[in-house]
PDB file of all heavy atoms in Angstrom:
ATOM      1  N   LEU A   1       0.802  -1.218   0.000  1.00  0.00           N
ATOM      2  CA  LEU A   1       0.000   0.000   0.000  1.00  0.00           C
ATOM      3  C   LEU A   1       0.840   1.276   0.000  1.00  0.00           C
ATOM      4  O   LEU A   1       0.277   2.375   0.096  1.00  0.00           O
ATOM      5  CB  LEU A   1      -0.925   0.015   1.235  1.00  0.00           C
ATOM      6  CG  LEU A   1      -2.006  -1.064   1.274  1.00  0.00           C
ATOM      7  CD1 LEU A   1      -2.716  -1.043   2.628  1.00  0.00           C
ATOM      8  CD2 LEU A   1      -3.010  -0.872   0.147  1.00  0.00           C
ATOM      9  N   TRP A   2       2.156   1.150  -0.110  1.00  0.00           N
ATOM     10  CA  TRP A   2       2.977   2.351  -0.031  1.00  0.00           C
ATOM     11  C   TRP A   2       2.625   3.399  -1.089  1.00  0.00           C
ATOM     12  O   TRP A   2       2.613   4.604  -0.779  1.00  0.00           O
ATOM     13  CB  TRP A   2       4.462   1.994  -0.105  1.00  0.00           C
ATOM     14  CG  TRP A   2       5.331   3.210  -0.011  1.00  0.00           C
ATOM     15  CD1 TRP A   2       6.107   3.764  -0.992  1.00  0.00           C
ATOM     16  CD2 TRP A   2       5.463   4.068   1.127  1.00  0.00           C
ATOM     17  NE1 TRP A   2       6.716   4.901  -0.527  1.00  0.00           N
ATOM     18  CE2 TRP A   2       6.337   5.108   0.770  1.00  0.00           C
ATOM     19  CE3 TRP A   2       4.923   4.044   2.416  1.00  0.00           C
ATOM     20  CZ2 TRP A   2       6.688   6.118   1.643  1.00  0.00           C
ATOM     21  CZ3 TRP A   2       5.259   5.051   3.299  1.00  0.00           C
ATOM     22  CH2 TRP A   2       6.150   6.091   2.912  1.00  0.00           C
ATOM     23  N   PRO A   3       2.281   3.017  -2.325  1.00  0.00           N
ATOM     24  CA  PRO A   3       1.900   4.046  -3.298  1.00  0.00           C
ATOM     25  C   PRO A   3       0.672   4.846  -2.874  1.00  0.00           C
ATOM     26  O   PRO A   3       0.425   5.928  -3.419  1.00  0.00           O
ATOM     27  CB  PRO A   3       1.614   3.231  -4.565  1.00  0.00           C
ATOM     28  CG  PRO A   3       2.432   1.991  -4.406  1.00  0.00           C
ATOM     29  CD  PRO A   3       2.377   1.682  -2.951  1.00  0.00           C
ATOM     30  N   LEU A   4      -0.089   4.337  -1.921  1.00  0.00           N
ATOM     31  CA  LEU A   4      -1.310   5.013  -1.461  1.00  0.00           C
ATOM     32  C   LEU A   4      -1.106   5.684  -0.109  1.00  0.00           C
ATOM     33  O   LEU A   4      -2.085   6.097   0.527  1.00  0.00           O
ATOM     34  CB  LEU A   4      -2.454   3.996  -1.352  1.00  0.00           C
ATOM     35  CG  LEU A   4      -2.755   3.182  -2.611  1.00  0.00           C
ATOM     36  CD1 LEU A   4      -3.837   2.156  -2.326  1.00  0.00           C
ATOM     37  CD2 LEU A   4      -3.156   4.090  -3.756  1.00  0.00           C
ATOM     38  N   ALA A   5       0.146   5.843   0.311  1.00  0.00           N
ATOM     39  CA  ALA A   5       0.429   6.323   1.670  1.00  0.00           C
ATOM     40  C   ALA A   5      -0.210   7.670   1.964  1.00  0.00           C
ATOM     41  O   ALA A   5      -0.685   7.918   3.090  1.00  0.00           O
ATOM     42  CB  ALA A   5       1.942   6.397   1.900  1.00  0.00           C
ATOM     43  N   ARG A   6      -0.240   8.578   0.989  1.00  0.00           N
ATOM     44  CA  ARG A   6      -0.775   9.916   1.215  1.00  0.00           C
ATOM     45  C   ARG A   6      -2.239  10.055   0.796  1.00  0.00           C
ATOM     46  O   ARG A   6      -2.839  11.107   0.999  1.00  0.00           O
ATOM     47  CB  ARG A   6       0.052  10.947   0.436  1.00  0.00           C
ATOM     48  CG  ARG A   6       1.540  10.918   0.771  1.00  0.00           C
ATOM     49  CD  ARG A   6       1.808  11.296   2.204  1.00  0.00           C
ATOM     50  NE  ARG A   6       3.224  11.198   2.551  1.00  0.00           N
ATOM     51  CZ  ARG A   6       3.716  11.385   3.769  1.00  0.00           C
ATOM     52  NH1 ARG A   6       2.886  11.680   4.767  1.00  0.00           N
ATOM     53  NH2 ARG A   6       5.009  11.266   4.000  1.00  0.00           N
ATOM     54  N   GLN A   7      -2.792   8.997   0.246  1.00  0.00           N
ATOM     55  CA  GLN A   7      -4.178   9.068  -0.209  1.00  0.00           C
ATOM     56  C   GLN A   7      -5.124   8.991   0.985  1.00  0.00           C
ATOM     57  O   GLN A   7      -4.892   8.219   1.922  1.00  0.00           O
ATOM     58  CB  GLN A   7      -4.471   7.911  -1.175  1.00  0.00           C
ATOM     59  CG  GLN A   7      -5.832   8.001  -1.845  1.00  0.00           C
ATOM     60  CD  GLN A   7      -5.936   7.056  -3.017  1.00  0.00           C
ATOM     61  OE1 GLN A   7      -4.960   6.834  -3.727  1.00  0.00           O
ATOM     62  NE2 GLN A   7      -7.133   6.507  -3.219  1.00  0.00           N
ATOM     63  N   PRO A   8      -6.199   9.786   1.000  1.00  0.00           N
ATOM     64  CA  PRO A   8      -7.154   9.700   2.108  1.00  0.00           C
ATOM     65  C   PRO A   8      -7.671   8.282   2.284  1.00  0.00           C
ATOM     66  O   PRO A   8      -8.127   7.649   1.323  1.00  0.00           O
ATOM     67  CB  PRO A   8      -8.268  10.662   1.683  1.00  0.00           C
ATOM     68  CG  PRO A   8      -7.600  11.637   0.776  1.00  0.00           C
ATOM     69  CD  PRO A   8      -6.558  10.837   0.035  1.00  0.00           C
ATOM     70  N   ALA A   9      -7.601   7.783   3.495  1.00  0.00           N
ATOM     71  CA  ALA A   9      -7.955   6.383   3.739  1.00  0.00           C
ATOM     72  C   ALA A   9      -9.396   6.092   3.364  1.00  0.00           C
ATOM     73  O   ALA A   9      -9.722   4.997   2.887  1.00  0.00           O
ATOM     74  CB  ALA A   9      -7.704   6.038   5.203  1.00  0.00           C
ATOM     75  N   ARG A  10     -10.275   7.072   3.565  1.00  0.00           N
ATOM     76  CA  ARG A  10     -11.691   6.842   3.287  1.00  0.00           C
ATOM     77  C   ARG A  10     -12.006   6.816   1.800  1.00  0.00           C
ATOM     78  O   ARG A  10     -13.114   6.454   1.408  1.00  0.00           O
ATOM     79  CB  ARG A  10     -12.538   7.885   4.001  1.00  0.00           C
ATOM     80  CG  ARG A  10     -12.476   7.750   5.520  1.00  0.00           C
ATOM     81  CD  ARG A  10     -13.429   8.698   6.212  1.00  0.00           C
ATOM     82  NE  ARG A  10     -13.395   8.524   7.658  1.00  0.00           N
ATOM     83  CZ  ARG A  10     -14.211   9.144   8.510  1.00  0.00           C
ATOM     84  NH1 ARG A  10     -15.115   9.993   8.046  1.00  0.00           N
ATOM     85  NH2 ARG A  10     -14.122   8.928   9.811  1.00  0.00           N
ATOM     86  N   SER A  11     -11.047   7.189   0.966  1.00  0.00           N
ATOM     87  CA  SER A  11     -11.257   7.143  -0.481  1.00  0.00           C
ATOM     88  C   SER A  11     -10.774   5.825  -1.089  1.00  0.00           C
ATOM     89  O   SER A  11     -10.961   5.598  -2.290  1.00  0.00           O
ATOM     90  CB  SER A  11     -10.537   8.305  -1.166  1.00  0.00           C
ATOM     91  OG  SER A  11      -9.118   8.103  -1.160  1.00  0.00           O
ATOM     92  N   LEU A  12     -10.170   4.962  -0.282  1.00  0.00           N
ATOM     93  CA  LEU A  12      -9.660   3.694  -0.790  1.00  0.00           C
ATOM     94  C   LEU A  12     -10.809   2.738  -1.082  1.00  0.00           C
ATOM     95  O   LEU A  12     -11.912   2.864  -0.535  1.00  0.00           O
ATOM     96  CB  LEU A  12      -8.707   3.060   0.232  1.00  0.00           C
ATOM     97  CG  LEU A  12      -7.473   3.867   0.614  1.00  0.00           C
ATOM     98  CD1 LEU A  12      -6.670   3.117   1.674  1.00  0.00           C
ATOM     99  CD2 LEU A  12      -6.607   4.176  -0.603  1.00  0.00           C
ATOM    100  N   SER A  13     -10.541   1.751  -1.911  1.00  0.00           N
ATOM    101  CA  SER A  13     -11.536   0.713  -2.176  1.00  0.00           C
ATOM    102  C   SER A  13     -11.725  -0.144  -0.930  1.00  0.00           C
ATOM    103  O   SER A  13     -10.932  -0.097   0.016  1.00  0.00           O
ATOM    104  CB  SER A  13     -11.077  -0.167  -3.340  1.00  0.00           C
ATOM    105  OG  SER A  13      -9.956  -0.960  -2.949  1.00  0.00           O
ATOM    106  N   GLY A  14     -12.781  -0.964  -0.945  1.00  0.00           N
ATOM    107  CA  GLY A  14     -13.043  -1.823   0.208  1.00  0.00           C
ATOM    108  C   GLY A  14     -11.883  -2.756   0.518  1.00  0.00           C
ATOM    109  O   GLY A  14     -11.491  -2.925   1.677  1.00  0.00           O
ATOM    110  N   GLY A  15     -11.306  -3.368  -0.524  1.00  0.00           N
ATOM    111  CA  GLY A  15     -10.178  -4.260  -0.304  1.00  0.00           C
ATOM    112  C   GLY A  15      -8.954  -3.531   0.195  1.00  0.00           C
ATOM    113  O   GLY A  15      -8.232  -4.035   1.063  1.00  0.00           O
ATOM    114  N   GLU A  16      -8.707  -2.333  -0.322  1.00  0.00           N
ATOM    115  CA  GLU A  16      -7.562  -1.543   0.136  1.00  0.00           C
ATOM    116  C   GLU A  16      -7.747  -1.107   1.588  1.00  0.00           C
ATOM    117  O   GLU A  16      -6.790  -1.119   2.372  1.00  0.00           O
ATOM    118  CB  GLU A  16      -7.380  -0.329  -0.766  1.00  0.00           C
ATOM    119  CG  GLU A  16      -6.867  -0.679  -2.158  1.00  0.00           C
ATOM    120  CD  GLU A  16      -7.031   0.450  -3.151  1.00  0.00           C
ATOM    121  OE1 GLU A  16      -7.781   1.418  -2.864  1.00  0.00           O
ATOM    122  OE2 GLU A  16      -6.420   0.368  -4.236  1.00  0.00           O
ATOM    123  N   ARG A  17      -8.965  -0.725   1.955  1.00  0.00           N
ATOM    124  CA  ARG A  17      -9.217  -0.348   3.355  1.00  0.00           C
ATOM    125  C   ARG A  17      -9.000  -1.528   4.282  1.00  0.00           C
ATOM    126  O   ARG A  17      -8.456  -1.380   5.380  1.00  0.00           O
ATOM    127  CB  ARG A  17     -10.636   0.204   3.513  1.00  0.00           C
ATOM    128  CG  ARG A  17     -10.834   1.593   2.958  1.00  0.00           C
ATOM    129  CD  ARG A  17     -12.097   2.238   3.503  1.00  0.00           C
ATOM    130  NE  ARG A  17     -13.284   1.468   3.193  1.00  0.00           N
ATOM    131  CZ  ARG A  17     -13.997   1.599   2.089  1.00  0.00           C
ATOM    132  NH1 ARG A  17     -13.629   2.486   1.164  1.00  0.00           N
ATOM    133  NH2 ARG A  17     -15.085   0.877   1.883  1.00  0.00           N
ATOM    134  N   GLN A  18      -9.414  -2.710   3.855  1.00  0.00           N
ATOM    135  CA  GLN A  18      -9.228  -3.876   4.717  1.00  0.00           C
ATOM    136  C   GLN A  18      -7.747  -4.207   4.852  1.00  0.00           C
ATOM    137  O   GLN A  18      -7.283  -4.552   5.949  1.00  0.00           O
ATOM    138  CB  GLN A  18      -9.998  -5.071   4.152  1.00  0.00           C
ATOM    139  CG  GLN A  18     -10.172  -6.221   5.129  1.00  0.00           C
ATOM    140  CD  GLN A  18     -11.130  -5.909   6.262  1.00  0.00           C
ATOM    141  OE1 GLN A  18     -11.568  -4.784   6.438  1.00  0.00           O
ATOM    142  NE2 GLN A  18     -11.444  -6.907   7.063  1.00  0.00           N
ATOM    143  N   ARG A  19      -6.981  -4.093   3.773  1.00  0.00           N
ATOM    144  CA  ARG A  19      -5.534  -4.316   3.865  1.00  0.00           C
ATOM    145  C   ARG A  19      -4.874  -3.240   4.724  1.00  0.00           C
ATOM    146  O   ARG A  19      -3.930  -3.525   5.470  1.00  0.00           O
ATOM    147  CB  ARG A  19      -4.923  -4.355   2.471  1.00  0.00           C
ATOM    148  CG  ARG A  19      -5.201  -5.672   1.734  1.00  0.00           C
ATOM    149  CD  ARG A  19      -5.061  -5.529   0.240  1.00  0.00           C
ATOM    150  NE  ARG A  19      -3.743  -5.024  -0.136  1.00  0.00           N
ATOM    151  CZ  ARG A  19      -3.503  -4.348  -1.251  1.00  0.00           C
ATOM    152  NH1 ARG A  19      -4.496  -4.074  -2.099  1.00  0.00           N
ATOM    153  NH2 ARG A  19      -2.285  -3.934  -1.533  1.00  0.00           N
ATOM    154  N   LEU A  20      -5.374  -2.015   4.638  1.00  0.00           N
ATOM    155  CA  LEU A  20      -4.842  -0.964   5.511  1.00  0.00           C
ATOM    156  C   LEU A  20      -5.151  -1.265   6.968  1.00  0.00           C
ATOM    157  O   LEU A  20      -4.296  -1.066   7.839  1.00  0.00           O
ATOM    158  CB  LEU A  20      -5.434   0.395   5.113  1.00  0.00           C
ATOM    159  CG  LEU A  20      -5.038   1.586   5.992  1.00  0.00           C
ATOM    160  CD1 LEU A  20      -3.526   1.763   6.048  1.00  0.00           C
ATOM    161  CD2 LEU A  20      -5.707   2.870   5.474  1.00  0.00           C
ATOM    162  N   ALA A  21      -6.347  -1.751   7.244  1.00  0.00           N
ATOM    163  CA  ALA A  21      -6.685  -2.122   8.618  1.00  0.00           C
ATOM    164  C   ALA A  21      -5.766  -3.236   9.121  1.00  0.00           C
ATOM    165  O   ALA A  21      -5.329  -3.227  10.281  1.00  0.00           O
ATOM    166  CB  ALA A  21      -8.148  -2.555   8.704  1.00  0.00           C
ATOM    167  N   LEU A  22      -5.449  -4.198   8.253  1.00  0.00           N
ATOM    168  CA  LEU A  22      -4.521  -5.260   8.634  1.00  0.00           C
ATOM    169  C   LEU A  22      -3.125  -4.699   8.885  1.00  0.00           C
ATOM    170  O   LEU A  22      -2.457  -5.075   9.852  1.00  0.00           O
ATOM    171  CB  LEU A  22      -4.481  -6.331   7.544  1.00  0.00           C
ATOM    172  CG  LEU A  22      -5.698  -7.238   7.432  1.00  0.00           C
ATOM    173  CD1 LEU A  22      -5.671  -8.014   6.121  1.00  0.00           C
ATOM    174  CD2 LEU A  22      -5.772  -8.191   8.612  1.00  0.00           C
ATOM    175  N   ALA A  23      -2.675  -3.800   8.006  1.00  0.00           N
ATOM    176  CA  ALA A  23      -1.357  -3.186   8.191  1.00  0.00           C
ATOM    177  C   ALA A  23      -1.311  -2.382   9.479  1.00  0.00           C
ATOM    178  O   ALA A  23      -0.310  -2.415  10.213  1.00  0.00           O
ATOM    179  CB  ALA A  23      -1.026  -2.291   6.992  1.00  0.00           C
ATOM    180  N   ARG A  24      -2.373  -1.655   9.766  1.00  0.00           N
ATOM    181  CA  ARG A  24      -2.443  -0.852  10.981  1.00  0.00           C
ATOM    182  C   ARG A  24      -2.372  -1.732  12.221  1.00  0.00           C
ATOM    183  O   ARG A  24      -1.700  -1.397  13.199  1.00  0.00           O
ATOM    184  CB  ARG A  24      -3.752  -0.050  10.955  1.00  0.00           C
ATOM    185  CG  ARG A  24      -3.926   0.939  12.068  1.00  0.00           C
ATOM    186  CD  ARG A  24      -5.130   1.835  11.806  1.00  0.00           C
ATOM    187  NE  ARG A  24      -6.389   1.081  11.716  1.00  0.00           N
ATOM    188  CZ  ARG A  24      -7.557   1.637  11.407  1.00  0.00           C
ATOM    189  NH1 ARG A  24      -7.640   2.938  11.144  1.00  0.00           N
ATOM    190  NH2 ARG A  24      -8.652   0.898  11.354  1.00  0.00           N
ATOM    191  N   ALA A  25      -3.046  -2.872  12.173  1.00  0.00           N
ATOM    192  CA  ALA A  25      -3.002  -3.793  13.308  1.00  0.00           C
ATOM    193  C   ALA A  25      -1.636  -4.468  13.421  1.00  0.00           C
ATOM    194  O   ALA A  25      -1.067  -4.574  14.512  1.00  0.00           O
ATOM    195  CB  ALA A  25      -4.095  -4.853  13.157  1.00  0.00           C
ATOM    196  N   TRP A  26      -1.088  -4.897  12.275  1.00  0.00           N
ATOM    197  CA  TRP A  26       0.192  -5.611  12.327  1.00  0.00           C
ATOM    198  C   TRP A  26       1.326  -4.699  12.782  1.00  0.00           C
ATOM    199  O   TRP A  26       2.280  -5.166  13.426  1.00  0.00           O
ATOM    200  CB  TRP A  26       0.511  -6.218  10.964  1.00  0.00           C
ATOM    201  CG  TRP A  26       1.774  -7.019  10.997  1.00  0.00           C
ATOM    202  CD1 TRP A  26       1.933  -8.279  11.484  1.00  0.00           C
ATOM    203  CD2 TRP A  26       3.068  -6.590  10.564  1.00  0.00           C
ATOM    204  NE1 TRP A  26       3.247  -8.665  11.364  1.00  0.00           N
ATOM    205  CE2 TRP A  26       3.967  -7.646  10.815  1.00  0.00           C
ATOM    206  CE3 TRP A  26       3.546  -5.421   9.988  1.00  0.00           C
ATOM    207  CZ2 TRP A  26       5.315  -7.564  10.493  1.00  0.00           C
ATOM    208  CZ3 TRP A  26       4.887  -5.331   9.668  1.00  0.00           C
ATOM    209  CH2 TRP A  26       5.759  -6.402   9.921  1.00  0.00           C
ATOM    210  N   ALA A  27       1.244  -3.406  12.482  1.00  0.00           N
ATOM    211  CA  ALA A  27       2.285  -2.469  12.915  1.00  0.00           C
ATOM    212  C   ALA A  27       2.437  -2.446  14.430  1.00  0.00           C
ATOM    213  O   ALA A  27       3.503  -2.115  14.953  1.00  0.00           O
ATOM    214  CB  ALA A  27       1.974  -1.068  12.400  1.00  0.00           C
ATOM    215  N   LEU A  28       1.380  -2.834  15.147  1.00  0.00           N
ATOM    216  CA  LEU A  28       1.432  -2.865  16.611  1.00  0.00           C
ATOM    217  C   LEU A  28       2.189  -4.088  17.129  1.00  0.00           C
ATOM    218  O   LEU A  28       2.428  -4.199  18.332  1.00  0.00           O
ATOM    219  CB  LEU A  28       0.010  -2.863  17.180  1.00  0.00           C
ATOM    220  CG  LEU A  28      -0.858  -1.663  16.793  1.00  0.00           C
ATOM    221  CD1 LEU A  28      -2.289  -1.874  17.288  1.00  0.00           C
ATOM    222  CD2 LEU A  28      -0.278  -0.376  17.360  1.00  0.00           C
ATOM    223  N   ARG A  29       2.533  -4.998  16.243  1.00  0.00           N
ATOM    224  CA  ARG A  29       3.239  -6.240  16.602  1.00  0.00           C
ATOM    225  C   ARG A  29       2.456  -7.054  17.641  1.00  0.00           C
ATOM    226  O   ARG A  29       2.995  -7.466  18.669  1.00  0.00           O
ATOM    227  CB  ARG A  29       4.651  -5.962  17.113  1.00  0.00           C
ATOM    228  CG  ARG A  29       5.540  -5.185  16.160  1.00  0.00           C
ATOM    229  CD  ARG A  29       5.808  -5.984  14.883  1.00  0.00           C
ATOM    230  NE  ARG A  29       6.864  -5.361  14.104  1.00  0.00           N
ATOM    231  CZ  ARG A  29       6.674  -4.482  13.133  1.00  0.00           C
ATOM    232  NH1 ARG A  29       5.444  -4.110  12.833  1.00  0.00           N
ATOM    233  NH2 ARG A  29       7.689  -3.981  12.467  1.00  0.00           N
ATOM    234  N   PRO A  30       1.171  -7.321  17.392  1.00  0.00           N
ATOM    235  CA  PRO A  30       0.403  -8.106  18.366  1.00  0.00           C
ATOM    236  C   PRO A  30       0.842  -9.558  18.363  1.00  0.00           C
ATOM    237  O   PRO A  30       1.286 -10.091  17.339  1.00  0.00           O
ATOM    238  CB  PRO A  30      -1.039  -7.964  17.866  1.00  0.00           C
ATOM    239  CG  PRO A  30      -0.876  -7.815  16.381  1.00  0.00           C
ATOM    240  CD  PRO A  30       0.377  -6.986  16.204  1.00  0.00           C
ATOM    241  N   ARG A  31       0.711 -10.213  19.492  1.00  0.00           N
ATOM    242  CA  ARG A  31       0.984 -11.646  19.558  1.00  0.00           C
ATOM    243  C   ARG A  31      -0.184 -12.438  18.973  1.00  0.00           C
ATOM    244  O   ARG A  31      -0.016 -13.550  18.502  1.00  0.00           O
ATOM    245  CB  ARG A  31       1.213 -12.100  21.003  1.00  0.00           C
ATOM    246  CG  ARG A  31       2.147 -11.232  21.832  1.00  0.00           C
ATOM    247  CD  ARG A  31       3.540 -11.091  21.252  1.00  0.00           C
ATOM    248  NE  ARG A  31       4.463 -10.622  22.272  1.00  0.00           N
ATOM    249  CZ  ARG A  31       4.795  -9.357  22.462  1.00  0.00           C
ATOM    250  NH1 ARG A  31       4.270  -8.413  21.693  1.00  0.00           N
ATOM    251  NH2 ARG A  31       5.649  -9.017  23.422  1.00  0.00           N
ATOM    252  N   ILE A  32      -1.390 -11.842  19.067  1.00  0.00           N
ATOM    253  CA  ILE A  32      -2.576 -12.503  18.541  1.00  0.00           C
ATOM    254  C   ILE A  32      -3.438 -11.459  17.844  1.00  0.00           C
ATOM    255  O   ILE A  32      -3.571 -10.328  18.321  1.00  0.00           O
ATOM    256  CB  ILE A  32      -3.351 -13.241  19.658  1.00  0.00           C
ATOM    257  CG1 ILE A  32      -4.495 -14.073  19.089  1.00  0.00           C
ATOM    258  CG2 ILE A  32      -3.837 -12.282  20.718  1.00  0.00           C
ATOM    259  CD1 ILE A  32      -5.074 -15.060  20.107  1.00  0.00           C
ATOM    260  N   LEU A  33      -3.986 -11.820  16.679  1.00  0.00           N
ATOM    261  CA  LEU A  33      -4.785 -10.896  15.882  1.00  0.00           C
ATOM    262  C   LEU A  33      -6.142 -11.523  15.625  1.00  0.00           C
ATOM    263  O   LEU A  33      -6.243 -12.609  15.054  1.00  0.00           O
ATOM    264  CB  LEU A  33      -4.086 -10.604  14.551  1.00  0.00           C
ATOM    265  CG  LEU A  33      -4.815  -9.681  13.572  1.00  0.00           C
ATOM    266  CD1 LEU A  33      -5.088  -8.317  14.194  1.00  0.00           C
ATOM    267  CD2 LEU A  33      -4.003  -9.532  12.283  1.00  0.00           C
ATOM    268  N   TYR A  34      -7.201 -10.834  16.075  1.00  0.00           N
ATOM    269  CA  TYR A  34      -8.570 -11.267  15.854  1.00  0.00           C
ATOM    270  C   TYR A  34      -9.103 -10.607  14.584  1.00  0.00           C
ATOM    271  O   TYR A  34      -9.021  -9.382  14.431  1.00  0.00           O
ATOM    272  CB  TYR A  34      -9.457 -10.873  17.036  1.00  0.00           C
ATOM    273  CG  TYR A  34      -8.977 -11.383  18.369  1.00  0.00           C
ATOM    274  CD1 TYR A  34      -8.571 -10.497  19.361  1.00  0.00           C
ATOM    275  CD2 TYR A  34      -8.938 -12.745  18.651  1.00  0.00           C
ATOM    276  CE1 TYR A  34      -8.138 -10.952  20.596  1.00  0.00           C
ATOM    277  CE2 TYR A  34      -8.500 -13.209  19.875  1.00  0.00           C
ATOM    278  CZ  TYR A  34      -8.101 -12.312  20.854  1.00  0.00           C
ATOM    279  OH  TYR A  34      -7.669 -12.760  22.071  1.00  0.00           O
ATOM    280  N   LEU A  35      -9.687 -11.399  13.695  1.00  0.00           N
ATOM    281  CA  LEU A  35     -10.199 -10.902  12.423  1.00  0.00           C
ATOM    282  C   LEU A  35     -11.662 -11.307  12.298  1.00  0.00           C
ATOM    283  O   LEU A  35     -11.980 -12.505  12.311  1.00  0.00           O
ATOM    284  CB  LEU A  35      -9.404 -11.496  11.250  1.00  0.00           C
ATOM    285  CG  LEU A  35      -7.891 -11.303  11.281  1.00  0.00           C
ATOM    286  CD1 LEU A  35      -7.239 -12.072  10.133  1.00  0.00           C
ATOM    287  CD2 LEU A  35      -7.543  -9.822  11.191  1.00  0.00           C
ATOM    288  N   ASP A  36     -12.541 -10.320  12.164  1.00  0.00           N
ATOM    289  CA  ASP A  36     -13.965 -10.595  12.051  1.00  0.00           C
ATOM    290  C   ASP A  36     -14.396 -10.449  10.596  1.00  0.00           C
ATOM    291  O   ASP A  36     -14.448  -9.337  10.070  1.00  0.00           O
ATOM    292  CB  ASP A  36     -14.754  -9.628  12.947  1.00  0.00           C
ATOM    293  CG  ASP A  36     -16.234  -9.983  13.006  1.00  0.00           C
ATOM    294  OD1 ASP A  36     -16.571 -11.162  12.752  1.00  0.00           O
ATOM    295  OD2 ASP A  36     -17.039  -9.095  13.313  1.00  0.00           O
ATOM    296  N   GLU A  37     -14.666 -11.581   9.940  1.00  0.00           N
ATOM    297  CA  GLU A  37     -15.130 -11.603   8.548  1.00  0.00           C
ATOM    298  C   GLU A  37     -14.272 -10.702   7.650  1.00  0.00           C
ATOM    299  O   GLU A  37     -14.762  -9.759   7.025  1.00  0.00           O
ATOM    300  CB  GLU A  37     -16.595 -11.159   8.481  1.00  0.00           C
ATOM    301  CG  GLU A  37     -17.563 -12.069   9.211  1.00  0.00           C
ATOM    302  CD  GLU A  37     -17.894 -13.342   8.441  1.00  0.00           C
ATOM    303  OE1 GLU A  37     -17.354 -13.523   7.336  1.00  0.00           O
ATOM    304  OE2 GLU A  37     -18.685 -14.146   8.948  1.00  0.00           O
ATOM    305  N   PRO A  38     -12.981 -10.981   7.553  1.00  0.00           N
ATOM    306  CA  PRO A  38     -12.078 -10.041   6.868  1.00  0.00           C
ATOM    307  C   PRO A  38     -12.306  -9.913   5.372  1.00  0.00           C
ATOM    308  O   PRO A  38     -11.840  -8.943   4.768  1.00  0.00           O
ATOM    309  CB  PRO A  38     -10.687 -10.611   7.164  1.00  0.00           C
ATOM    310  CG  PRO A  38     -10.924 -12.067   7.404  1.00  0.00           C
ATOM    311  CD  PRO A  38     -12.257 -12.144   8.085  1.00  0.00           C
ATOM    312  N   THR A  39     -12.992 -10.880   4.737  1.00  0.00           N
ATOM    313  CA  THR A  39     -13.213 -10.782   3.291  1.00  0.00           C
ATOM    314  C   THR A  39     -14.685 -10.595   2.939  1.00  0.00           C
ATOM    315  O   THR A  39     -15.053 -10.698   1.771  1.00  0.00           O
ATOM    316  CB  THR A  39     -12.671 -12.026   2.561  1.00  0.00           C
ATOM    317  OG1 THR A  39     -13.397 -13.185   2.993  1.00  0.00           O
ATOM    318  CG2 THR A  39     -11.195 -12.219   2.826  1.00  0.00           C
TER     319      THR A  39
END
């Protein structure tokens, strides 16, 4: 998603927003990640 780094998050497609949400969660380095209906 780096090419979209400066793009408003709310303007992204549904799939891009979900990948951004995953990236945002993974950046926290969680030991466990809960995903509710990710696709």
